[in-house]
Amino acid sequence: FAEKLRTHLVEQTTETWMFWFGQLQAFAQPCGHCRVPQGHATKDGFQLGTWVARQRRDQAKLPTERKAELDALGFDWDPHTYKWEEGFRHFEKFVAQYSNALVPAKYKSTDGYRLGSWVSNQRAPKNKISADRKARLDALGFVWDVINAQWEEGFRCLSEFAKNSGHCRVLQNYRSPEGFALGQWVVVQRTAQSKLSPQRKSQLDELSFSWDPHLENWEDGFRRVEEFVKQHQHCRVPIDYKCADGFRLGQWVGRQRQTRDSNPDNAKERLDELGFVWHQHDSKREDGFHHLEQFVKQHQHCRVPTDYKCADGYRLGTWVSNQRGKKESMPPEQMARLDALGFVWSVWKR
């Protein structure tokens, strides 16, 4: 109340109007405009925002020369115009800073201005924006259809991801280098598959987009098994085996054995082509045969010491001892494979 009284008293003194006009000039000089916020006070405490509002209210009563002086300074007589210009000024700064015009709905400028709300209001159907304002917004790339813009941004990020990775298997929590939540966007596309337009579905299909995350995960595991086979020349993946990136391939292989009847179509045939071992017991047996074959190839005999370990840590001596203990119950074909390698069934007869 004291500040309002002070403002009123000052205006009553001689040349009061010119004093306030000088305050407005001082404001406009560094700012380049006369858009004084409604509650603005000068550094000396004078309520310049209140005085400016009074000039607009009393416009019809102002002498012609005073109106002319205000006009020469670029005074904005319409408060609604002032508010729009303030929003546009913040919008310009946003575009210059972020190089895009997609302002988040809850975005605030550094000075607290609710730019996200202002941008949303420009899109509101009830807001009949003038052709001039629309042209100014369009010149900055204003986004009128935010839903479509967000989809296009997601597709652009997915295209870049596919180009760099060679696939569209995006982890759910993945964000693009620019910070776009691409993993969540991918989930939304799958959820809304039935609602997507044929054109958008076609665009995604061209990137080999996977609509089924379970199938996508299976394909990821299968690709890693292929890489394992190329590297090791067999498909006997140890249960505790991890890929270089931490993927637990041994556990994935174990799940395929447990869910072989519910795996994707042709999954069994594709794994069989790689020499996949469906029973863990068979896998351990084949692993032992493989190491014994390598031992014979290297040493030209099959006399494996009981405590022998292979270079990869495999306890071949223990496996060989176990085969001797199973001789009476061993299938003939397994005995024949061992005999073909010169297997020594009795250590006392060597």
Protein backbone atom coordinates (compact mmCIF):
# COMPACT_ATOMS: atom_id res chain seq x y z
CA PHE A 1 0.00 0.00 0.00
CA ALA A 2 2.86 2.35 0.82
CA GLU A 3 4.39 1.87 -2.63
CA LYS A 4 1.05 2.58 -4.36
CA LEU A 5 0.65 5.73 -2.29
CA ARG A 6 4.19 6.81 -3.19
CA THR A 7 3.48 6.25 -6.87
CA HIS A 8 0.27 8.29 -6.65
CA LEU A 9 1.93 11.20 -4.84
CA VAL A 10 4.80 11.38 -7.29
CA GLU A 11 2.36 11.53 -10.20
CA GLN A 12 0.64 14.51 -8.63
CA THR A 13 3.79 16.63 -8.58
CA THR A 14 4.98 18.95 -11.34
CA GLU A 15 6.23 17.17 -14.45
CA THR A 16 5.31 13.85 -12.84
CA TRP A 17 4.36 12.25 -16.17
CA MET A 18 7.71 13.13 -17.68
CA PHE A 19 9.44 11.58 -14.68
CA TRP A 20 7.68 8.27 -15.31
CA PHE A 21 8.26 8.56 -19.03
CA GLY A 22 11.96 8.91 -18.24
CA GLN A 23 11.77 5.75 -16.16
CA LEU A 24 10.20 3.97 -19.15
CA GLN A 25 12.94 5.28 -21.45
CA ALA A 26 15.57 3.98 -19.03
CA PHE A 27 13.84 0.57 -19.12
CA ALA A 28 13.51 0.49 -22.91
CA GLN A 29 17.10 1.50 -23.70
CA PRO A 30 18.86 -1.71 -22.52
CA CYS A 31 15.90 -4.01 -23.24
CA GLY A 32 15.09 -2.75 -26.73
CA HIS A 33 11.35 -2.75 -26.00
CA CYS A 34 8.68 -1.26 -23.74
CA ARG A 35 7.19 -4.56 -22.56
CA VAL A 36 7.31 -3.83 -18.83
CA PRO A 37 6.10 -6.73 -16.68
CA GLN A 38 2.99 -5.88 -14.70
CA GLY A 39 4.63 -6.00 -11.26
CA HIS A 40 7.96 -4.51 -12.33
CA ALA A 41 9.66 -1.98 -10.05
CA THR A 42 12.76 0.05 -10.86
CA LYS A 43 15.94 -0.39 -8.83
CA ASP A 44 14.81 2.67 -6.84
CA GLY A 45 11.52 0.99 -6.01
CA PHE A 46 9.21 2.92 -8.38
CA GLN A 47 6.31 0.76 -9.62
CA LEU A 48 6.87 1.24 -13.35
CA GLY A 49 4.64 -1.71 -14.23
CA THR A 50 1.71 -0.05 -12.47
CA TRP A 51 2.29 3.27 -14.30
CA VAL A 52 2.46 1.52 -17.69
CA ALA A 53 -0.82 -0.28 -16.97
CA ARG A 54 -2.42 3.08 -16.09
CA GLN A 55 -1.34 4.59 -19.43
CA ARG A 56 -3.11 1.77 -21.26
CA ARG A 57 -6.21 2.17 -19.12
CA ASP A 58 -6.33 5.97 -19.60
CA GLN A 59 -5.34 5.91 -23.27
CA ALA A 60 -8.44 7.82 -24.39
CA LYS A 61 -7.76 10.59 -21.86
CA LEU A 62 -4.09 11.12 -22.66
CA PRO A 63 -3.08 14.30 -24.52
CA THR A 64 -2.09 13.72 -28.13
CA GLU A 65 1.52 14.74 -27.53
CA ARG A 66 1.95 12.20 -24.72
CA LYS A 67 0.51 9.39 -26.85
CA ALA A 68 2.88 10.42 -29.60
CA GLU A 69 5.87 10.26 -27.26
CA LEU A 70 4.86 6.80 -26.09
CA ASP A 71 4.30 5.65 -29.67
CA ALA A 72 7.75 6.91 -30.65
CA LEU A 73 9.19 4.73 -27.89
CA GLY A 74 7.35 1.66 -29.26
CA PHE A 75 4.78 1.60 -26.47
CA ASP A 76 2.39 -1.39 -26.60
CA TRP A 77 -1.14 -0.21 -25.91
CA ASP A 78 -2.69 -3.70 -25.95
CA PRO A 79 -1.74 -5.78 -22.86
CA HIS A 80 -2.71 -8.95 -24.71
CA THR A 81 -0.28 -8.05 -27.45
CA TYR A 82 2.36 -7.39 -24.82
CA LYS A 83 1.83 -10.84 -23.30
CA TRP A 84 2.00 -12.52 -26.70
CA GLU A 85 5.20 -10.68 -27.58
CA GLU A 86 6.73 -11.69 -24.27
CA GLY A 87 5.97 -15.34 -25.02
CA PHE A 88 7.30 -15.05 -28.55
CA ARG A 89 10.52 -13.51 -27.24
CA HIS A 90 11.02 -16.50 -24.91
CA PHE A 91 10.18 -18.85 -27.78
CA GLU A 92 12.84 -17.25 -29.97
CA LYS A 93 15.43 -17.79 -27.24
CA PHE A 94 14.39 -21.44 -26.85
CA VAL A 95 14.78 -22.12 -30.57
CA ALA A 96 18.17 -20.39 -30.65
CA GLN A 97 19.39 -22.40 -27.65
CA TYR A 98 18.08 -25.87 -28.54
CA SER A 99 17.91 -25.65 -32.34
CA ASN A 100 14.35 -27.01 -32.36
CA ALA A 101 10.87 -25.70 -31.67
CA LEU A 102 9.41 -28.66 -29.76
CA VAL A 103 8.91 -27.06 -26.35
CA PRO A 104 7.95 -29.50 -23.54
CA ALA A 105 4.51 -28.78 -22.07
CA LYS A 106 5.91 -28.03 -18.60
CA TYR A 107 8.98 -26.11 -19.75
CA LYS A 108 9.96 -22.95 -17.87
CA SER A 109 12.54 -20.44 -19.03
CA THR A 110 15.44 -19.58 -16.76
CA ASP A 111 13.56 -16.50 -15.54
CA GLY A 112 10.56 -18.65 -14.57
CA TYR A 113 8.43 -17.85 -17.61
CA ARG A 114 6.05 -20.76 -18.40
CA LEU A 115 6.93 -21.07 -22.06
CA GLY A 116 5.43 -24.56 -22.35
CA SER A 117 2.02 -23.20 -21.34
CA TRP A 118 2.31 -20.28 -23.77
CA VAL A 119 3.19 -22.63 -26.64
CA SER A 120 0.24 -24.90 -25.79
CA ASN A 121 -2.08 -21.89 -25.82
CA GLN A 122 -1.00 -21.03 -29.37
CA ARG A 123 -2.18 -24.50 -30.46
CA ALA A 124 -5.53 -24.25 -28.66
CA PRO A 125 -8.46 -24.29 -31.16
CA LYS A 126 -10.18 -21.42 -29.34
CA ASN A 127 -7.14 -19.21 -29.87
CA LYS A 128 -7.75 -17.72 -33.31
CA ILE A 129 -4.25 -16.60 -34.07
CA SER A 130 -3.68 -13.89 -36.68
CA ALA A 131 -2.01 -14.65 -40.00
CA ASP A 132 0.89 -12.39 -39.07
CA ARG A 133 1.56 -14.19 -35.77
CA LYS A 134 1.21 -17.59 -37.42
CA ALA A 135 3.75 -16.57 -40.06
CA ARG A 136 6.20 -15.43 -37.38
CA LEU A 137 5.81 -18.71 -35.52
CA ASP A 138 6.14 -20.75 -38.71
CA ALA A 139 9.36 -18.94 -39.53
CA LEU A 140 10.83 -20.42 -36.34
CA GLY A 141 9.56 -23.93 -37.13
CA PHE A 142 6.66 -23.86 -34.66
CA VAL A 143 5.18 -27.33 -34.09
CA TRP A 144 1.40 -27.20 -34.47
CA ASP A 145 0.82 -30.96 -34.24
CA VAL A 146 2.97 -32.05 -31.29
CA ILE A 147 1.86 -35.70 -31.37
CA ASN A 148 2.91 -36.09 -34.99
CA ALA A 149 6.16 -34.21 -34.32
CA GLN A 150 7.03 -36.51 -31.42
CA TRP A 151 6.39 -39.57 -33.60
CA GLU A 152 8.61 -38.21 -36.35
CA GLU A 153 11.34 -37.44 -33.82
CA GLY A 154 11.10 -40.99 -32.46
CA PHE A 155 11.29 -42.49 -35.93
CA ARG A 156 14.31 -40.34 -36.77
CA CYS A 157 16.11 -41.52 -33.62
CA LEU A 158 15.20 -45.15 -34.36
CA SER A 159 16.50 -44.81 -37.91
CA GLU A 160 19.80 -43.49 -36.58
CA PHE A 161 19.95 -46.29 -34.01
CA ALA A 162 19.30 -48.95 -36.68
CA LYS A 163 21.89 -47.40 -38.98
CA ASN A 164 24.58 -47.51 -36.28
CA SER A 165 23.63 -50.83 -34.67
CA GLY A 166 22.37 -52.83 -37.64
CA HIS A 167 19.13 -53.70 -35.81
CA CYS A 168 16.13 -52.18 -34.00
CA ARG A 169 16.53 -54.02 -30.68
CA VAL A 170 16.31 -51.00 -28.39
CA LEU A 171 16.52 -51.53 -24.63
CA GLN A 172 13.51 -50.16 -22.75
CA ASN A 173 15.51 -47.57 -20.77
CA TYR A 174 17.64 -46.44 -23.73
CA ARG A 175 17.92 -42.74 -24.55
CA SER A 176 19.35 -41.31 -27.75
CA PRO A 177 22.51 -39.15 -27.58
CA GLU A 178 20.18 -36.11 -27.67
CA GLY A 179 18.27 -37.44 -24.66
CA PHE A 180 15.17 -38.76 -26.49
CA ALA A 181 13.56 -41.68 -24.58
CA LEU A 182 13.75 -44.03 -27.58
CA GLY A 183 13.28 -47.23 -25.58
CA GLN A 184 9.96 -46.00 -24.20
CA TRP A 185 8.92 -44.74 -27.64
CA VAL A 186 9.52 -48.22 -29.10
CA VAL A 187 7.34 -49.78 -26.37
CA VAL A 188 4.54 -47.32 -27.19
CA GLN A 189 4.66 -48.28 -30.88
CA ARG A 190 4.20 -51.95 -30.01
CA THR A 191 1.35 -51.18 -27.60
CA ALA A 192 -0.41 -48.96 -30.17
CA GLN A 193 0.28 -51.24 -33.13
CA SER A 194 -3.40 -51.69 -34.01
CA LYS A 195 -3.94 -47.92 -33.96
CA LEU A 196 -0.97 -46.94 -36.11
CA SER A 197 -1.64 -45.79 -39.64
CA PRO A 198 -0.59 -48.17 -42.46
CA GLN A 199 2.00 -45.60 -43.53
CA ARG A 200 3.69 -45.53 -40.12
CA LYS A 201 3.63 -49.31 -39.80
CA SER A 202 5.21 -49.52 -43.22
CA GLN A 203 7.93 -47.05 -42.21
CA LEU A 204 8.75 -49.16 -39.15
CA ASP A 205 8.67 -52.42 -41.11
CA GLU A 206 11.24 -50.98 -43.53
CA LEU A 207 13.62 -50.74 -40.57
CA SER A 208 12.91 -54.42 -39.71
CA PHE A 209 11.09 -53.27 -36.58
CA SER A 210 10.23 -56.09 -34.18
CA TRP A 211 6.63 -55.90 -33.01
CA ASP A 212 7.10 -58.78 -30.55
CA PRO A 213 9.67 -58.05 -27.79
CA HIS A 214 9.88 -61.75 -26.88
CA LEU A 215 10.79 -62.62 -30.45
CA GLU A 216 13.25 -59.74 -30.46
CA ASN A 217 14.96 -61.05 -27.32
CA TRP A 218 15.12 -64.54 -28.84
CA GLU A 219 16.72 -63.22 -32.01
CA ASP A 220 19.27 -61.36 -29.91
CA GLY A 221 20.23 -64.57 -28.12
CA PHE A 222 20.33 -66.58 -31.36
CA ARG A 223 22.64 -64.00 -32.94
CA ARG A 224 25.01 -64.41 -29.99
CA VAL A 225 24.95 -68.21 -30.29
CA GLU A 226 25.93 -67.81 -33.94
CA GLU A 227 28.87 -65.63 -32.87
CA PHE A 228 29.85 -68.20 -30.22
CA VAL A 229 29.88 -70.99 -32.81
CA LYS A 230 32.00 -68.92 -35.19
CA GLN A 231 34.51 -68.25 -32.43
CA HIS A 232 34.63 -71.69 -30.76
CA GLN A 233 33.64 -73.98 -33.65
CA HIS A 234 30.98 -75.72 -31.53
CA CYS A 235 27.67 -74.96 -29.82
CA ARG A 236 28.40 -76.24 -26.31
CA VAL A 237 27.87 -73.05 -24.35
CA PRO A 238 28.82 -73.38 -20.63
CA ILE A 239 25.95 -72.56 -18.29
CA ASP A 240 27.94 -69.70 -16.69
CA TYR A 241 29.16 -68.25 -20.00
CA LYS A 242 28.88 -64.48 -20.51
CA CYS A 243 29.45 -62.51 -23.70
CA ALA A 244 31.91 -59.63 -23.74
CA ASP A 245 29.08 -57.15 -23.14
CA GLY A 246 27.81 -59.10 -20.12
CA PHE A 247 24.97 -60.95 -21.87
CA ARG A 248 24.40 -64.26 -20.01
CA LEU A 249 24.42 -66.54 -23.02
CA GLY A 250 24.77 -69.70 -20.91
CA GLN A 251 21.51 -68.90 -19.14
CA TRP A 252 19.80 -68.09 -22.45
CA VAL A 253 20.87 -71.48 -23.82
CA GLY A 254 19.48 -73.13 -20.69
CA ARG A 255 16.11 -71.45 -21.21
CA GLN A 256 15.94 -72.75 -24.78
CA ARG A 257 16.22 -76.30 -23.46
CA GLN A 258 13.40 -75.67 -20.97
CA THR A 259 11.09 -73.87 -23.43
CA ARG A 260 11.87 -75.72 -26.64
CA ASP A 261 8.16 -76.39 -27.28
CA SER A 262 7.17 -72.73 -26.86
CA ASN A 263 10.05 -71.12 -28.75
CA PRO A 264 9.33 -69.12 -31.94
CA ASP A 265 8.51 -70.96 -35.16
CA ASN A 266 11.52 -72.66 -36.76
CA ALA A 267 13.58 -71.96 -33.63
CA LYS A 268 14.48 -75.63 -33.13
CA GLU A 269 15.48 -76.08 -36.77
CA ARG A 270 17.64 -72.95 -36.72
CA LEU A 271 19.39 -74.02 -33.52
CA ASP A 272 19.86 -77.58 -34.83
CA GLU A 273 21.68 -76.17 -37.83
CA LEU A 274 24.21 -74.69 -35.43
CA GLY A 275 24.70 -78.04 -33.66
CA PHE A 276 22.70 -77.02 -30.59
CA VAL A 277 22.78 -79.57 -27.74
CA TRP A 278 19.29 -79.86 -26.26
CA HIS A 279 20.17 -81.79 -23.09
CA GLN A 280 22.61 -80.34 -20.60
CA HIS A 281 23.89 -83.86 -19.82
CA ASP A 282 24.66 -84.36 -23.51
CA SER A 283 26.34 -80.96 -23.59
CA LYS A 284 28.70 -81.93 -20.77
CA ARG A 285 29.47 -85.25 -22.45
CA GLU A 286 30.18 -83.57 -25.79
CA ASP A 287 32.35 -80.99 -24.07
CA GLY A 288 34.44 -83.81 -22.61
CA PHE A 289 34.71 -85.57 -25.96
CA HIS A 290 35.83 -82.33 -27.57
CA HIS A 291 38.61 -81.78 -25.02
CA LEU A 292 39.72 -85.42 -25.24
CA GLU A 293 39.94 -85.18 -29.02
CA GLN A 294 42.09 -82.06 -28.67
CA PHE A 295 44.31 -83.86 -26.12
CA VAL A 296 44.86 -86.83 -28.45
CA LYS A 297 45.58 -84.51 -31.36
CA GLN A 298 48.21 -82.67 -29.32
CA HIS A 299 49.83 -85.59 -27.45
CA GLN A 300 49.26 -88.47 -29.91
CA HIS A 301 47.87 -90.71 -27.14
CA CYS A 302 44.85 -90.98 -24.84
CA ARG A 303 46.60 -91.45 -21.49
CA VAL A 304 45.21 -88.48 -19.61
CA PRO A 305 46.59 -87.90 -16.10
CA THR A 306 43.92 -87.87 -13.39
CA ASP A 307 44.69 -84.28 -12.36
CA TYR A 308 45.04 -82.95 -15.92
CA LYS A 309 43.48 -79.59 -16.79
CA CYS A 310 43.18 -78.16 -20.28
CA ALA A 311 44.42 -74.70 -21.14
CA ASP A 312 40.89 -73.31 -20.67
CA GLY A 313 40.68 -74.83 -17.18
CA TYR A 314 38.55 -77.82 -18.15
CA ARG A 315 39.23 -80.80 -15.81
CA LEU A 316 39.74 -83.43 -18.49
CA GLY A 317 41.42 -85.88 -16.09
CA THR A 318 38.30 -85.90 -13.91
CA TRP A 319 36.01 -86.40 -16.93
CA VAL A 320 38.11 -89.32 -18.19
CA SER A 321 37.96 -90.97 -14.75
CA ASN A 322 34.17 -90.55 -14.75
CA GLN A 323 33.90 -92.33 -18.10
CA ARG A 324 35.73 -95.33 -16.69
CA GLY A 325 33.31 -95.45 -13.78
CA LYS A 326 30.34 -95.43 -16.20
CA LYS A 327 31.69 -98.18 -18.45
CA GLU A 328 29.14 -100.81 -17.41
CA SER A 329 26.15 -98.53 -18.09
CA MET A 330 27.57 -96.61 -21.06
CA PRO A 331 25.73 -96.89 -24.40
CA PRO A 332 27.71 -98.90 -27.01
CA GLU A 333 27.97 -95.94 -29.40
CA GLN A 334 29.71 -93.83 -26.72
CA MET A 335 32.14 -96.63 -25.93
CA ALA A 336 32.88 -96.95 -29.64
CA ARG A 337 33.68 -93.23 -29.90
CA LEU A 338 36.09 -93.49 -26.98
CA ASP A 339 37.69 -96.68 -28.33
CA ALA A 340 38.28 -94.92 -31.66
CA LEU A 341 40.42 -92.39 -29.77
CA GLY A 342 42.43 -95.16 -28.07
CA PHE A 343 40.74 -94.67 -24.71
CA VAL A 344 42.42 -96.48 -21.82
CA TRP A 345 39.69 -98.19 -19.76
CA SER A 346 42.01 -99.55 -17.09
CA VAL A 347 44.84 -97.42 -15.76
CA TRP A 348 46.62 -100.60 -14.54
CA LYS A 349 46.95 -101.96 -18.07
CA ARG A 350 48.78 -98.98 -19.52
